[in-house]
PDB file of N, CA and C in Angstrom:
ATOM      1  N   MET A   1       0.822  -1.193   0.000  1.00  0.00           N
ATOM      2  CA  MET A   1       0.000   0.000   0.000  1.00  0.00           C
ATOM      3  C   MET A   1       0.863   1.252   0.000  1.00  0.00           C
ATOM      4  N   GLU A   2       2.022   1.181   0.623  1.00  0.00           N
ATOM      5  CA  GLU A   2       2.890   2.356   0.641  1.00  0.00           C
ATOM      6  C   GLU A   2       3.582   2.572  -0.697  1.00  0.00           C
ATOM      7  N   LEU A   3       3.796   1.491  -1.454  1.00  0.00           N
ATOM      8  CA  LEU A   3       4.493   1.605  -2.725  1.00  0.00           C
ATOM      9  C   LEU A   3       3.590   2.117  -3.842  1.00  0.00           C
ATOM     10  N   ASP A   4       2.306   1.822  -3.752  1.00  0.00           N
ATOM     11  CA  ASP A   4       1.344   2.277  -4.763  1.00  0.00           C
ATOM     12  C   ASP A   4       0.179   2.942  -4.025  1.00  0.00           C
ATOM     13  N   ILE A   5       0.317   4.230  -3.791  1.00  0.00           N
ATOM     14  CA  ILE A   5      -0.646   4.973  -2.983  1.00  0.00           C
ATOM     15  C   ILE A   5      -2.055   4.907  -3.558  1.00  0.00           C
ATOM     16  N   GLU A   6      -2.193   5.037  -4.870  1.00  0.00           N
ATOM     17  CA  GLU A   6      -3.533   4.962  -5.471  1.00  0.00           C
ATOM     18  C   GLU A   6      -4.185   3.620  -5.186  1.00  0.00           C
ATOM     19  N   PHE A   7      -3.420   2.563  -5.338  1.00  0.00           N
ATOM     20  CA  PHE A   7      -3.927   1.217  -5.057  1.00  0.00           C
ATOM     21  C   PHE A   7      -4.290   1.102  -3.577  1.00  0.00           C
ATOM     22  N   GLY A   8      -3.429   1.596  -2.710  1.00  0.00           N
ATOM     23  CA  GLY A   8      -3.688   1.554  -1.271  1.00  0.00           C
ATOM     24  C   GLY A   8      -4.955   2.293  -0.893  1.00  0.00           C
ATOM     25  N   HIS A   9      -5.130   3.471  -1.424  1.00  0.00           N
ATOM     26  CA  HIS A   9      -6.326   4.261  -1.128  1.00  0.00           C
ATOM     27  C   HIS A   9      -7.579   3.569  -1.647  1.00  0.00           C
ATOM     28  N   SER A  10      -7.479   2.990  -2.832  1.00  0.00           N
ATOM     29  CA  SER A  10      -8.610   2.268  -3.411  1.00  0.00           C
ATOM     30  C   SER A  10      -9.008   1.083  -2.526  1.00  0.00           C
ATOM     31  N   CYS A  11      -8.024   0.342  -2.061  1.00  0.00           N
ATOM     32  CA  CYS A  11      -8.300  -0.799  -1.171  1.00  0.00           C
ATOM     33  C   CYS A  11      -8.939  -0.341   0.130  1.00  0.00           C
ATOM     34  N   ILE A  12      -8.374   0.690   0.724  1.00  0.00           N
ATOM     35  CA  ILE A  12      -8.899   1.202   1.991  1.00  0.00           C
ATOM     36  C   ILE A  12     -10.332   1.694   1.819  1.00  0.00           C
ATOM     37  N   ASP A  13     -10.596   2.405   0.744  1.00  0.00           N
ATOM     38  CA  ASP A  13     -11.954   2.897   0.507  1.00  0.00           C
ATOM     39  C   ASP A  13     -12.958   1.745   0.477  1.00  0.00           C
ATOM     40  N   LYS A  14     -12.595   0.653  -0.165  1.00  0.00           N
ATOM     41  CA  LYS A  14     -13.485  -0.517  -0.217  1.00  0.00           C
ATOM     42  C   LYS A  14     -13.615  -1.170   1.157  1.00  0.00           C
ATOM     43  N   LEU A  15     -12.502  -1.309   1.861  1.00  0.00           N
ATOM     44  CA  LEU A  15     -12.533  -1.950   3.180  1.00  0.00           C
ATOM     45  C   LEU A  15     -13.372  -1.157   4.186  1.00  0.00           C
ATOM     46  N   LEU A  16     -13.358   0.161   4.065  1.00  0.00           N
ATOM     47  CA  LEU A  16     -14.111   0.995   5.004  1.00  0.00           C
ATOM     48  C   LEU A  16     -15.620   0.924   4.794  1.00  0.00           C
ATOM     49  N   THR A  17     -16.065   0.240   3.762  1.00  0.00           N
ATOM     50  CA  THR A  17     -17.502   0.033   3.566  1.00  0.00           C
ATOM     51  C   THR A  17     -17.982  -1.261   4.222  1.00  0.00           C
ATOM     52  N   SER A  18     -17.076  -2.005   4.801  1.00  0.00           N
ATOM     53  CA  SER A  18     -17.413  -3.289   5.425  1.00  0.00           C
ATOM     54  C   SER A  18     -18.285  -3.093   6.664  1.00  0.00           C
ATOM     55  N   LYS A  19     -19.078  -4.097   6.962  1.00  0.00           N
ATOM     56  CA  LYS A  19     -19.870  -4.118   8.196  1.00  0.00           C
ATOM     57  C   LYS A  19     -19.130  -4.887   9.301  1.00  0.00           C
ATOM     58  N   ASP A  20     -18.033  -5.544   8.935  1.00  0.00           N
ATOM     59  CA  ASP A  20     -17.246  -6.347   9.863  1.00  0.00           C
ATOM     60  C   ASP A  20     -16.301  -5.436  10.658  1.00  0.00           C
ATOM     61  N   GLU A  21     -16.459  -5.417  11.962  1.00  0.00           N
ATOM     62  CA  GLU A  21     -15.667  -4.506  12.788  1.00  0.00           C
ATOM     63  C   GLU A  21     -14.186  -4.875  12.827  1.00  0.00           C
ATOM     64  N   ILE A  22     -13.861  -6.121  12.605  1.00  0.00           N
ATOM     65  CA  ILE A  22     -12.453  -6.514  12.535  1.00  0.00           C
ATOM     66  C   ILE A  22     -11.810  -5.869  11.306  1.00  0.00           C
ATOM     67  N   ILE A  23     -12.481  -5.952  10.184  1.00  0.00           N
ATOM     68  CA  ILE A  23     -11.974  -5.338   8.949  1.00  0.00           C
ATOM     69  C   ILE A  23     -11.896  -3.830   9.100  1.00  0.00           C
ATOM     70  N   LEU A  24     -12.908  -3.231   9.703  1.00  0.00           N
ATOM     71  CA  LEU A  24     -12.906  -1.781   9.908  1.00  0.00           C
ATOM     72  C   LEU A  24     -11.750  -1.335  10.794  1.00  0.00           C
ATOM     73  N   THR A  25     -11.470  -2.103  11.837  1.00  0.00           N
ATOM     74  CA  THR A  25     -10.369  -1.763  12.745  1.00  0.00           C
ATOM     75  C   THR A  25      -9.038  -1.782  12.010  1.00  0.00           C
ATOM     76  N   LYS A  26      -8.820  -2.815  11.233  1.00  0.00           N
ATOM     77  CA  LYS A  26      -7.563  -2.928  10.476  1.00  0.00           C
ATOM     78  C   LYS A  26      -7.465  -1.830   9.412  1.00  0.00           C
ATOM     79  N   ALA A  27      -8.555  -1.581   8.693  1.00  0.00           N
ATOM     80  CA  ALA A  27      -8.546  -0.548   7.661  1.00  0.00           C
ATOM     81  C   ALA A  27      -8.300   0.832   8.273  1.00  0.00           C
ATOM     82  N   ALA A  28      -8.903   1.091   9.417  1.00  0.00           N
ATOM     83  CA  ALA A  28      -8.698   2.380  10.088  1.00  0.00           C
ATOM     84  C   ALA A  28      -7.242   2.531  10.533  1.00  0.00           C
ATOM     85  N   ALA A  29      -6.636   1.456  11.001  1.00  0.00           N
ATOM     86  CA  ALA A  29      -5.225   1.508  11.388  1.00  0.00           C
ATOM     87  C   ALA A  29      -4.359   1.843  10.173  1.00  0.00           C
ATOM     88  N   TYR A  30      -4.660   1.243   9.028  1.00  0.00           N
ATOM     89  CA  TYR A  30      -3.922   1.574   7.811  1.00  0.00           C
ATOM     90  C   TYR A  30      -4.133   3.028   7.412  1.00  0.00           C
ATOM     91  N   CYS A  31      -5.331   3.546   7.613  1.00  0.00           N
ATOM     92  CA  CYS A  31      -5.581   4.963   7.333  1.00  0.00           C
ATOM     93  C   CYS A  31      -4.631   5.841   8.141  1.00  0.00           C
ATOM     94  N   LEU A  32      -4.504   5.531   9.417  1.00  0.00           N
ATOM     95  CA  LEU A  32      -3.624   6.327  10.273  1.00  0.00           C
ATOM     96  C   LEU A  32      -2.171   6.180   9.846  1.00  0.00           C
ATOM     97  N   ALA A  33      -1.763   4.956   9.509  1.00  0.00           N
ATOM     98  CA  ALA A  33      -0.382   4.719   9.102  1.00  0.00           C
ATOM     99  C   ALA A  33      -0.038   5.440   7.800  1.00  0.00           C
ATOM    100  N   LEU A  34      -1.016   5.525   6.904  1.00  0.00           N
ATOM    101  CA  LEU A  34      -0.796   6.161   5.602  1.00  0.00           C
ATOM    102  C   LEU A  34      -1.225   7.624   5.570  1.00  0.00           C
ATOM    103  N   ASN A  35      -1.713   8.128   6.713  1.00  0.00           N
ATOM    104  CA  ASN A  35      -2.195   9.509   6.823  1.00  0.00           C
ATOM    105  C   ASN A  35      -3.277   9.786   5.772  1.00  0.00           C
ATOM    106  N   TYR A  36      -4.231   8.879   5.701  1.00  0.00           N
ATOM    107  CA  TYR A  36      -5.311   8.941   4.721  1.00  0.00           C
ATOM    108  C   TYR A  36      -6.633   8.759   5.440  1.00  0.00           C
ATOM    109  N   ARG A  37      -7.574   9.622   5.188  1.00  0.00           N
ATOM    110  CA  ARG A  37      -8.909   9.572   5.807  1.00  0.00           C
ATOM    111  C   ARG A  37      -8.795   9.458   7.333  1.00  0.00           C
ATOM    112  N   VAL A  38      -7.952  10.267   7.890  1.00  0.00           N
ATOM    113  CA  VAL A  38      -7.639  10.217   9.319  1.00  0.00           C
ATOM    114  C   VAL A  38      -8.881  10.463  10.171  1.00  0.00           C
ATOM    115  N   GLU A  39      -9.701  11.447   9.816  1.00  0.00           N
ATOM    116  CA  GLU A  39     -10.901  11.729  10.612  1.00  0.00           C
ATOM    117  C   GLU A  39     -11.853  10.538  10.610  1.00  0.00           C
ATOM    118  N   ASP A  40     -12.004   9.903   9.456  1.00  0.00           N
ATOM    119  CA  ASP A  40     -12.858   8.708   9.372  1.00  0.00           C
ATOM    120  C   ASP A  40     -12.286   7.600  10.250  1.00  0.00           C
ATOM    121  N   ALA A  41     -10.984   7.421  10.175  1.00  0.00           N
ATOM    122  CA  ALA A  41     -10.330   6.370  10.951  1.00  0.00           C
ATOM    123  C   ALA A  41     -10.505   6.596  12.454  1.00  0.00           C
ATOM    124  N   GLU A  42     -10.307   7.828  12.884  1.00  0.00           N
ATOM    125  CA  GLU A  42     -10.481   8.138  14.306  1.00  0.00           C
ATOM    126  C   GLU A  42     -11.906   7.835  14.753  1.00  0.00           C
ATOM    127  N   LYS A  43     -12.874   8.248  13.957  1.00  0.00           N
ATOM    128  CA  LYS A  43     -14.276   8.029  14.302  1.00  0.00           C
ATOM    129  C   LYS A  43     -14.586   6.534  14.394  1.00  0.00           C
ATOM    130  N   ILE A  44     -14.130   5.768  13.424  1.00  0.00           N
ATOM    131  CA  ILE A  44     -14.366   4.322  13.416  1.00  0.00           C
ATOM    132  C   ILE A  44     -13.750   3.670  14.655  1.00  0.00           C
ATOM    133  N   LEU A  45     -12.509   3.998  14.930  1.00  0.00           N
ATOM    134  CA  LEU A  45     -11.828   3.395  16.076  1.00  0.00           C
ATOM    135  C   LEU A  45     -12.474   3.804  17.395  1.00  0.00           C
ATOM    136  N   GLN A  46     -12.903   5.049  17.499  1.00  0.00           N
ATOM    137  CA  GLN A  46     -13.573   5.504  18.721  1.00  0.00           C
ATOM    138  C   GLN A  46     -14.888   4.775  18.931  1.00  0.00           C
ATOM    139  N   GLU A  47     -15.639   4.590  17.856  1.00  0.00           N
ATOM    140  CA  GLU A  47     -16.921   3.877  17.966  1.00  0.00           C
ATOM    141  C   GLU A  47     -16.708   2.428  18.388  1.00  0.00           C
ATOM    142  N   ILE A  48     -15.738   1.772  17.797  1.00  0.00           N
ATOM    143  CA  ILE A  48     -15.461   0.382  18.134  1.00  0.00           C
ATOM    144  C   ILE A  48     -14.940   0.279  19.565  1.00  0.00           C
ATOM    145  N   ALA A  49     -14.078   1.208  19.955  1.00  0.00           N
ATOM    146  CA  ALA A  49     -13.521   1.192  21.309  1.00  0.00           C
ATOM    147  C   ALA A  49     -14.579   1.468  22.370  1.00  0.00           C
ATOM    148  N   SER A  50     -15.562   2.284  22.053  1.00  0.00           N
ATOM    149  CA  SER A  50     -16.562   2.668  23.055  1.00  0.00           C
ATOM    150  C   SER A  50     -17.649   1.616  23.260  1.00  0.00           C
ATOM    151  N   ASP A  51     -17.748   0.656  22.362  1.00  0.00           N
ATOM    152  CA  ASP A  51     -18.747  -0.404  22.483  1.00  0.00           C
ATOM    153  C   ASP A  51     -18.156  -1.550  23.306  1.00  0.00           C
ATOM    154  N   LYS A  52     -18.561  -1.633  24.559  1.00  0.00           N
ATOM    155  CA  LYS A  52     -17.997  -2.616  25.494  1.00  0.00           C
ATOM    156  C   LYS A  52     -18.236  -4.059  25.059  1.00  0.00           C
ATOM    157  N   SER A  53     -19.215  -4.278  24.199  1.00  0.00           N
ATOM    158  CA  SER A  53     -19.474  -5.643  23.735  1.00  0.00           C
ATOM    159  C   SER A  53     -18.393  -6.123  22.756  1.00  0.00           C
ATOM    160  N   ASN A  54     -17.523  -5.217  22.311  1.00  0.00           N
ATOM    161  CA  ASN A  54     -16.465  -5.598  21.384  1.00  0.00           C
ATOM    162  C   ASN A  54     -15.264  -6.262  22.061  1.00  0.00           C
ATOM    163  N   GLY A  55     -15.219  -6.246  23.375  1.00  0.00           N
ATOM    164  CA  GLY A  55     -14.159  -6.937  24.105  1.00  0.00           C
ATOM    165  C   GLY A  55     -12.762  -6.556  23.650  1.00  0.00           C
ATOM    166  N   ILE A  56     -11.968  -7.576  23.302  1.00  0.00           N
ATOM    167  CA  ILE A  56     -10.574  -7.358  22.930  1.00  0.00           C
ATOM    168  C   ILE A  56     -10.449  -6.508  21.664  1.00  0.00           C
ATOM    169  N   LEU A  57     -11.408  -6.609  20.768  1.00  0.00           N
ATOM    170  CA  LEU A  57     -11.388  -5.789  19.557  1.00  0.00           C
ATOM    171  C   LEU A  57     -11.510  -4.309  19.919  1.00  0.00           C
ATOM    172  N   GLY A  58     -12.374  -4.005  20.880  1.00  0.00           N
ATOM    173  CA  GLY A  58     -12.510  -2.627  21.348  1.00  0.00           C
ATOM    174  C   GLY A  58     -11.241  -2.132  22.003  1.00  0.00           C
ATOM    175  N   PHE A  59     -10.590  -3.010  22.764  1.00  0.00           N
ATOM    176  CA  PHE A  59      -9.320  -2.666  23.402  1.00  0.00           C
ATOM    177  C   PHE A  59      -8.259  -2.398  22.337  1.00  0.00           C
ATOM    178  N   ASN A  60      -8.232  -3.230  21.303  1.00  0.00           N
ATOM    179  CA  ASN A  60      -7.283  -3.044  20.210  1.00  0.00           C
ATOM    180  C   ASN A  60      -7.507  -1.690  19.530  1.00  0.00           C
ATOM    181  N   ALA A  61      -8.757  -1.339  19.282  1.00  0.00           N
ATOM    182  CA  ALA A  61      -9.070  -0.047  18.665  1.00  0.00           C
ATOM    183  C   ALA A  61      -8.627   1.102  19.570  1.00  0.00           C
ATOM    184  N   GLU A  62      -8.882   0.958  20.852  1.00  0.00           N
ATOM    185  CA  GLU A  62      -8.483   1.988  21.827  1.00  0.00           C
ATOM    186  C   GLU A  62      -6.965   2.167  21.850  1.00  0.00           C
ATOM    187  N   MET A  63      -6.234   1.071  21.875  1.00  0.00           N
ATOM    188  CA  MET A  63      -4.775   1.139  21.922  1.00  0.00           C
ATOM    189  C   MET A  63      -4.182   1.667  20.617  1.00  0.00           C
ATOM    190  N   THR A  64      -4.803   1.338  19.499  1.00  0.00           N
ATOM    191  CA  THR A  64      -4.346   1.866  18.216  1.00  0.00           C
ATOM    192  C   THR A  64      -4.440   3.387  18.222  1.00  0.00           C
ATOM    193  N   LEU A  65      -5.565   3.906  18.670  1.00  0.00           N
ATOM    194  CA  LEU A  65      -5.731   5.365  18.768  1.00  0.00           C
ATOM    195  C   LEU A  65      -4.732   5.971  19.744  1.00  0.00           C
ATOM    196  N   LYS A  66      -4.557   5.329  20.880  1.00  0.00           N
ATOM    197  CA  LYS A  66      -3.648   5.843  21.911  1.00  0.00           C
ATOM    198  C   LYS A  66      -2.219   5.945  21.381  1.00  0.00           C
ATOM    199  N   VAL A  67      -1.741   4.889  20.769  1.00  0.00           N
ATOM    200  CA  VAL A  67      -0.376   4.881  20.241  1.00  0.00           C
ATOM    201  C   VAL A  67      -0.231   5.937  19.149  1.00  0.00           C
ATOM    202  N   TRP A  68      -1.212   6.019  18.260  1.00  0.00           N
ATOM    203  CA  TRP A  68      -1.153   6.990  17.177  1.00  0.00           C
ATOM    204  C   TRP A  68      -1.104   8.414  17.729  1.00  0.00           C
ATOM    205  N   LYS A  69      -1.923   8.701  18.724  1.00  0.00           N
ATOM    206  CA  LYS A  69      -1.949  10.050  19.294  1.00  0.00           C
ATOM    207  C   LYS A  69      -0.664  10.365  20.053  1.00  0.00           C
ATOM    208  N   GLU A  70      -0.135   9.396  20.787  1.00  0.00           N
ATOM    209  CA  GLU A  70       1.086   9.629  21.565  1.00  0.00           C
ATOM    210  C   GLU A  70       2.310   9.801  20.677  1.00  0.00           C
ATOM    211  N   GLN A  71       2.420   8.977  19.646  1.00  0.00           N
ATOM    212  CA  GLN A  71       3.590   9.012  18.776  1.00  0.00           C
ATOM    213  C   GLN A  71       3.467  10.026  17.646  1.00  0.00           C
ATOM    214  N   GLY A  72       2.229  10.304  17.239  1.00  0.00           N
ATOM    215  CA  GLY A  72       2.013  11.183  16.100  1.00  0.00           C
ATOM    216  C   GLY A  72       2.106  10.445  14.771  1.00  0.00           C
ATOM    217  N   TYR A  73       2.313   9.163  14.831  1.00  0.00           N
ATOM    218  CA  TYR A  73       2.345   8.313  13.635  1.00  0.00           C
ATOM    219  C   TYR A  73       2.049   6.884  14.065  1.00  0.00           C
ATOM    220  N   LEU A  74       1.816   6.032  13.086  1.00  0.00           N
ATOM    221  CA  LEU A  74       1.551   4.617  13.368  1.00  0.00           C
ATOM    222  C   LEU A  74       2.263   3.778  12.327  1.00  0.00           C
ATOM    223  N   LYS A  75       3.003   2.797  12.785  1.00  0.00           N
ATOM    224  CA  LYS A  75       3.672   1.847  11.889  1.00  0.00           C
ATOM    225  C   LYS A  75       2.909   0.553  11.954  1.00  0.00           C
ATOM    226  N   ILE A  76       2.585  -0.005  10.799  1.00  0.00           N
ATOM    227  CA  ILE A  76       1.857  -1.257  10.740  1.00  0.00           C
ATOM    228  C   ILE A  76       2.813  -2.436  10.799  1.00  0.00           C
ATOM    229  N   TYR A  77       3.979  -2.295  10.187  1.00  0.00           N
ATOM    230  CA  TYR A  77       4.949  -3.384  10.142  1.00  0.00           C
ATOM    231  C   TYR A  77       6.332  -2.844  10.272  1.00  0.00           C
TER     232      TYR A  77
END
């Protein structure tokens, strides 16, 4: 995704239409890492983190936001 930005953005746009919260969490993390659709990513992660029924997935979303805000960037790999 970093090597072909257009391809990466196209993939992320499709993934962000998913109803699956696992896919949304991962896609939002990529948004933050690529500095793309950051506001959408923050909103998605906040919604997932605030829903206590999401368990570990909600915790993962919360920690992704926390690390991104503390560091000012996010590395996926």
